[in-house]
Protein backbone atom coordinates (compact mmCIF):
# COMPACT_ATOMS: atom_id res chain seq x y z
CA MET A 1 8.67 16.66 -15.28
CA TYR A 2 8.09 19.66 -13.18
CA PHE A 3 6.57 19.97 -9.69
CA VAL A 4 3.74 21.94 -7.88
CA LEU A 5 4.91 23.11 -4.41
CA THR A 6 1.86 23.34 -2.46
CA LYS A 7 1.63 23.48 1.92
CA ARG A 8 0.79 20.18 3.93
CA PRO A 9 0.85 20.52 7.60
CA GLU A 10 3.18 17.46 8.15
CA TYR A 11 5.67 18.36 5.60
CA VAL A 12 8.10 21.38 5.20
CA LEU A 13 8.11 20.68 1.68
CA PHE A 14 5.28 18.58 -0.58
CA CYS A 15 5.56 18.72 -4.07
CA MET A 16 2.97 16.96 -6.50
CA SER A 17 3.03 16.05 -9.88
CA PRO A 18 1.06 17.83 -12.56
CA SER A 19 -1.00 15.39 -12.83
CA GLU A 20 -0.94 14.33 -8.85
CA ARG A 21 -1.24 11.07 -8.81
CA PHE A 22 2.02 11.20 -6.68
CA ALA A 23 4.03 13.59 -4.47
CA VAL A 24 7.22 13.94 -2.78
CA GLY A 25 6.99 15.26 1.09
CA VAL A 26 9.69 15.79 3.70
CA SER A 27 9.19 15.85 7.34
CA GLU A 28 10.95 17.95 9.55
CA HIS A 29 12.96 15.75 11.20
CA ARG A 30 14.20 14.76 7.26
CA VAL A 31 12.52 11.63 6.69
CA VAL A 32 11.32 11.61 2.87
CA HIS A 33 7.94 10.24 1.39
CA LEU A 34 6.95 9.34 -2.40
CA LEU A 35 3.19 9.15 -2.07
CA VAL A 36 0.56 8.10 -3.90
CA ARG A 37 -3.51 8.64 -3.95
CA ASP A 38 -5.79 5.93 -3.13
CA PRO A 39 -8.67 5.24 -4.92
CA GLY A 40 -10.34 8.08 -2.55
CA GLY A 41 -7.88 10.71 -3.22
CA ALA A 42 -6.15 10.71 -0.04
CA TRP A 43 -2.59 10.63 -0.36
CA GLN A 44 -0.50 7.51 0.99
CA VAL A 45 3.08 7.01 1.63
CA LEU A 46 4.38 4.32 -1.37
CA ARG A 47 7.79 4.20 0.30
CA GLU A 48 9.87 6.61 2.64
CA TRP A 49 13.65 7.16 3.57
CA ASN A 50 15.91 8.86 5.44
CA ALA A 51 17.14 12.03 3.63
CA GLU A 52 20.73 11.45 4.60
CA GLU A 53 20.67 8.04 2.85
CA TYR A 54 19.36 9.66 -0.62
CA SER A 55 17.94 13.23 -0.91
CA HIS A 56 14.51 14.36 -2.23
CA THR A 57 16.17 16.89 -4.12
CA ALA A 58 18.29 13.70 -6.32
CA PHE A 59 15.51 12.22 -6.51
CA MET A 60 13.47 15.37 -7.85
CA ALA A 61 16.32 15.58 -10.54
CA GLN A 62 16.43 12.74 -12.43
CA LEU A 63 12.76 13.52 -12.78
CA ARG A 64 13.55 16.19 -14.92
CA ASN A 65 13.92 15.42 -18.40
CA ARG A 66 11.13 12.43 -18.41
CA GLU A 67 7.40 12.21 -18.52
CA GLU A 68 5.19 11.57 -15.76
CA PRO A 69 4.62 7.96 -15.30
CA ASP A 70 1.02 6.56 -15.65
CA ASP A 71 1.98 4.47 -13.07
CA PRO A 72 3.84 5.99 -9.91
CA GLU A 73 5.32 2.48 -8.63
CA GLN A 74 7.77 2.92 -12.06
CA LEU A 75 9.37 5.49 -10.13
CA LEU A 76 10.80 2.97 -7.27
CA ALA A 77 13.09 2.51 -9.89
CA LEU A 78 14.85 5.57 -10.17
CA LEU A 79 15.64 5.21 -6.28
CA PRO A 80 19.16 3.54 -5.38
CA PRO A 81 18.64 -0.46 -4.95
CA ASN A 82 19.05 -0.24 -1.12
CA LEU A 83 15.52 2.06 -1.32
CA ARG A 84 13.25 0.31 -3.69
């Protein structure tokens, strides 16, 4: 899977999946957000964690050789147990 980088004012890094079903955002305070689209198309935070606990890079690297899941909630299984 690859990611599409884009800009969102509240994030220093924001990247979406190819289908735009989920995204990863990093705030200036180094908080990582795993976001999903709600039925209206707005981004909603599914899970958040401190980047010192688990970096966005480590999370995204796990997706490198995977197909994008139909249900973004399946991505929660890739997080360390204490962050699920």
